[in-house]
Amino acid sequence: MLELIAGLLIFLGVHSIRVRGDSVRDTWVTRLGPLGFKLAYSGISLIGLLLIVWGYAAARLEPILVWQPPMGMAHASSLLTLVAFVFLAAAYIPGNFILRKTKHPMTIAVKLWAFGHLLANGGLHDIFLFSGFLIWAVLVFRSARRRTAPASPSMVKQLPAWIASQPANRLATLVTLGVGIGAWAWFAFVGHALLIGVAPFAR
């Protein structure tokens, strides 16, 4: 469990640099240089991620049950995860309605994923993992919203014409929905069992 906690502190800590303001990140970029900062950021993140995977896998072998999720929570988790995959896709497909409306769909996806998994898992290791990511996503989203200026017509005009057009917006949104739902379906029925060792819809 200590490895899991340490990994969360390292991984989420390094990904929280901008929560304290851009000045902190800029200071480290100045000290290390752009390449040095990227290498250090990536290296520390990788160490944190490996500790999370190691600690979580070890904790699953001797789980400490804090509460027993009631019936139906697994279905609620699956629904929230489906929406999370759509928001995740929205972060990478330009011009879609979700991205233009929320500005930060990635952190919303993490919040939905983490909250959904908290509903369906009652182990102490699950609570540490998913509540850690949920708290991180809430703080990062608030920080990002404070940094983001309200959208204006001038901002929209800076986009390429094919992205800014209404037909392209609708197409991008449909593609976002298709990619998100498709990725969720593969992960729910195939990927989750392969990578995590748990089949969400197994009977």
Protein backbone atom coordinates (compact mmCIF):
# COMPACT_ATOMS: atom_id res chain seq x y z
CA MET A 1 0.00 0.00 0.00
CA LEU A 2 2.92 2.35 0.71
CA GLU A 3 4.11 1.96 -2.88
CA LEU A 4 0.66 2.95 -4.14
CA ILE A 5 0.52 6.03 -1.91
CA ALA A 6 4.05 7.03 -2.85
CA GLY A 7 3.27 6.61 -6.54
CA LEU A 8 0.14 8.74 -6.26
CA LEU A 9 2.03 11.49 -4.46
CA ILE A 10 4.78 11.49 -7.09
CA PHE A 11 2.63 11.12 -10.20
CA LEU A 12 -0.16 13.50 -9.19
CA GLY A 13 2.29 15.87 -7.55
CA VAL A 14 4.32 16.40 -10.71
CA HIS A 15 1.09 16.80 -12.69
CA SER A 16 -0.07 19.50 -10.26
CA ILE A 17 2.70 21.99 -10.98
CA ARG A 18 0.38 24.37 -12.82
CA VAL A 19 -2.18 24.30 -10.00
CA ARG A 20 0.14 26.66 -8.14
CA GLY A 21 0.37 28.92 -11.17
CA ASP A 22 2.38 29.12 -14.38
CA SER A 23 5.21 30.86 -12.53
CA VAL A 24 6.25 27.61 -10.83
CA ARG A 25 6.45 25.74 -14.13
CA ASP A 26 8.26 28.65 -15.81
CA THR A 27 10.82 28.72 -12.99
CA TRP A 28 11.69 25.06 -13.48
CA VAL A 29 11.79 25.46 -17.27
CA THR A 30 14.28 28.31 -16.79
CA ARG A 31 16.43 26.26 -14.41
CA LEU A 32 16.47 23.03 -16.40
CA GLY A 33 15.84 24.28 -19.92
CA PRO A 34 12.86 23.15 -22.04
CA LEU A 35 14.37 19.75 -22.88
CA GLY A 36 15.65 19.15 -19.37
CA PHE A 37 12.27 20.01 -17.91
CA LYS A 38 10.49 17.62 -20.28
CA LEU A 39 12.92 14.81 -19.48
CA ALA A 40 12.64 15.35 -15.73
CA TYR A 41 8.86 15.67 -15.92
CA SER A 42 8.53 12.49 -17.97
CA GLY A 43 11.00 10.55 -15.83
CA ILE A 44 9.37 11.47 -12.52
CA SER A 45 5.91 10.75 -13.98
CA LEU A 46 7.05 7.32 -15.16
CA ILE A 47 8.45 6.46 -11.72
CA GLY A 48 5.18 7.53 -10.10
CA LEU A 49 3.11 5.54 -12.58
CA LEU A 50 5.18 2.38 -12.08
CA LEU A 51 4.81 2.69 -8.31
CA ILE A 52 1.05 3.10 -8.71
CA VAL A 53 0.78 -0.02 -10.86
CA TRP A 54 3.06 -2.02 -8.57
CA GLY A 55 1.39 -0.86 -5.36
CA TYR A 56 -2.14 -1.36 -6.65
CA ALA A 57 -1.39 -4.84 -7.98
CA ALA A 58 0.19 -5.85 -4.67
CA ALA A 59 -2.69 -4.43 -2.63
CA ARG A 60 -5.22 -6.39 -4.70
CA LEU A 61 -3.63 -9.63 -3.52
CA GLU A 62 -4.54 -8.89 0.11
CA PRO A 63 -7.45 -6.42 -0.14
CA ILE A 64 -8.85 -4.55 2.82
CA LEU A 65 -12.60 -4.12 2.26
CA VAL A 66 -13.90 -0.81 3.57
CA TRP A 67 -17.45 -1.06 2.21
CA GLN A 68 -19.49 -3.33 -0.02
CA PRO A 69 -20.83 -1.50 -3.08
CA PRO A 70 -24.60 -2.04 -3.44
CA MET A 71 -26.09 -3.68 -6.51
CA GLY A 72 -26.28 -1.41 -9.50
CA MET A 73 -23.09 0.53 -8.76
CA ALA A 74 -21.17 -1.44 -11.37
CA HIS A 75 -23.70 -0.34 -14.01
CA ALA A 76 -23.47 3.27 -12.83
CA SER A 77 -19.69 3.03 -13.05
CA SER A 78 -19.89 1.68 -16.60
CA LEU A 79 -22.19 4.52 -17.65
CA LEU A 80 -19.93 7.18 -16.14
CA THR A 81 -16.91 5.55 -17.76
CA LEU A 82 -18.67 5.61 -21.13
CA VAL A 83 -19.20 9.37 -20.79
CA ALA A 84 -15.58 9.72 -19.63
CA PHE A 85 -14.32 8.05 -22.81
CA VAL A 86 -16.33 10.50 -24.91
CA PHE A 87 -14.83 13.45 -23.02
CA LEU A 88 -11.38 11.90 -23.41
CA ALA A 89 -11.86 11.66 -27.16
CA ALA A 90 -13.08 15.26 -27.19
CA ALA A 91 -9.72 16.41 -25.83
CA TYR A 92 -7.94 15.20 -28.99
CA ILE A 93 -10.42 15.93 -31.79
CA PRO A 94 -10.40 19.63 -32.76
CA GLY A 95 -13.57 21.58 -33.37
CA ASN A 96 -16.01 19.33 -31.52
CA PHE A 97 -18.78 20.85 -29.42
CA ILE A 98 -17.64 19.28 -26.13
CA LEU A 99 -14.14 20.74 -26.42
CA ARG A 100 -15.43 24.16 -27.41
CA LYS A 101 -17.96 24.19 -24.57
CA THR A 102 -15.96 22.76 -21.66
CA LYS A 103 -12.40 23.79 -22.71
CA HIS A 104 -10.93 21.07 -20.46
CA PRO A 105 -12.59 17.72 -21.30
CA MET A 106 -9.55 15.69 -20.21
CA THR A 107 -9.89 16.59 -16.52
CA ILE A 108 -13.66 16.09 -16.70
CA ALA A 109 -13.01 12.60 -18.10
CA VAL A 110 -10.71 11.82 -15.17
CA LYS A 111 -13.33 13.04 -12.68
CA LEU A 112 -16.05 10.88 -14.22
CA TRP A 113 -13.77 7.84 -14.41
CA ALA A 114 -12.54 8.19 -10.84
CA PHE A 115 -15.97 8.89 -9.35
CA GLY A 116 -17.54 5.98 -11.24
CA HIS A 117 -14.88 3.58 -9.97
CA LEU A 118 -15.28 4.83 -6.41
CA LEU A 119 -18.94 3.88 -6.61
CA ALA A 120 -18.19 0.33 -7.69
CA ASN A 121 -15.12 -0.50 -5.60
CA GLY A 122 -14.90 -0.64 -1.84
CA GLY A 123 -11.32 -1.76 -1.20
CA LEU A 124 -8.93 0.53 0.66
CA HIS A 125 -6.53 0.47 -2.29
CA ASP A 126 -9.39 1.45 -4.62
CA ILE A 127 -10.33 4.37 -2.37
CA PHE A 128 -6.74 5.62 -2.30
CA LEU A 129 -6.32 5.31 -6.06
CA PHE A 130 -9.60 6.73 -7.33
CA SER A 131 -10.12 9.40 -4.66
CA GLY A 132 -6.57 10.59 -5.32
CA PHE A 133 -7.26 11.04 -9.02
CA LEU A 134 -10.67 12.57 -8.31
CA ILE A 135 -9.26 15.22 -5.95
CA TRP A 136 -6.44 15.93 -8.40
CA ALA A 137 -8.86 16.36 -11.32
CA VAL A 138 -11.09 18.73 -9.34
CA LEU A 139 -8.12 20.93 -8.35
CA VAL A 140 -6.62 20.94 -11.84
CA PHE A 141 -9.97 21.74 -13.46
CA ARG A 142 -10.52 24.69 -11.13
CA SER A 143 -7.02 25.96 -11.76
CA ALA A 144 -7.41 25.60 -15.54
CA ARG A 145 -10.75 27.43 -15.48
CA ARG A 146 -9.15 30.34 -13.64
CA ARG A 147 -6.39 30.56 -16.25
CA THR A 148 -8.71 30.31 -19.26
CA ALA A 149 -10.21 33.56 -20.51
CA PRO A 150 -13.87 33.49 -21.63
CA ALA A 151 -14.37 32.56 -25.26
CA SER A 152 -14.83 35.46 -27.64
CA PRO A 153 -15.67 35.80 -31.35
CA SER A 154 -12.07 36.80 -32.05
CA MET A 155 -10.85 33.49 -30.60
CA VAL A 156 -13.18 31.55 -32.87
CA LYS A 157 -11.96 33.46 -35.92
CA GLN A 158 -8.39 32.33 -35.20
CA LEU A 159 -9.38 28.74 -35.94
CA PRO A 160 -8.97 27.41 -39.48
CA ALA A 161 -12.10 28.01 -41.52
CA TRP A 162 -12.84 24.29 -41.96
CA ILE A 163 -12.79 23.79 -38.18
CA ALA A 164 -14.81 26.90 -37.38
CA SER A 165 -17.59 26.08 -39.83
CA GLN A 166 -20.82 24.63 -38.45
CA PRO A 167 -20.82 21.48 -40.65
CA ALA A 168 -17.26 20.70 -39.51
CA ASN A 169 -18.28 21.25 -35.88
CA ARG A 170 -21.12 18.77 -36.24
CA LEU A 171 -18.89 16.25 -38.01
CA ALA A 172 -16.17 16.63 -35.37
CA THR A 173 -18.74 16.09 -32.62
CA LEU A 174 -20.11 12.97 -34.32
CA VAL A 175 -16.58 11.63 -34.77
CA THR A 176 -15.88 12.37 -31.10
CA LEU A 177 -18.95 10.40 -30.04
CA GLY A 178 -18.06 7.51 -32.34
CA VAL A 179 -14.43 7.32 -31.21
CA GLY A 180 -15.33 7.66 -27.55
CA ILE A 181 -18.08 5.04 -27.62
CA GLY A 182 -15.99 2.68 -29.73
CA ALA A 183 -12.96 2.99 -27.45
CA TRP A 184 -15.16 2.43 -24.40
CA ALA A 185 -16.73 -0.68 -25.95
CA TRP A 186 -13.33 -2.21 -26.75
CA PHE A 187 -11.97 -1.43 -23.30
CA ALA A 188 -15.09 -2.59 -21.45
CA PHE A 189 -15.41 -5.90 -23.26
CA VAL A 190 -11.76 -6.66 -24.11
CA GLY A 191 -9.13 -4.23 -22.86
CA HIS A 192 -10.14 -4.07 -19.19
CA ALA A 193 -9.74 -7.82 -18.78
CA LEU A 194 -6.43 -7.84 -20.68
CA LEU A 195 -4.85 -4.90 -18.86
CA ILE A 196 -6.51 -4.92 -15.44
CA GLY A 197 -7.48 -8.57 -15.11
CA VAL A 198 -11.14 -7.82 -14.43
CA ALA A 199 -13.97 -8.25 -16.94
CA PRO A 200 -16.65 -5.64 -16.07
CA PHE A 201 -19.45 -7.47 -17.87
CA ALA A 202 -18.45 -11.04 -17.08
CA ARG A 203 -21.30 -13.14 -15.75
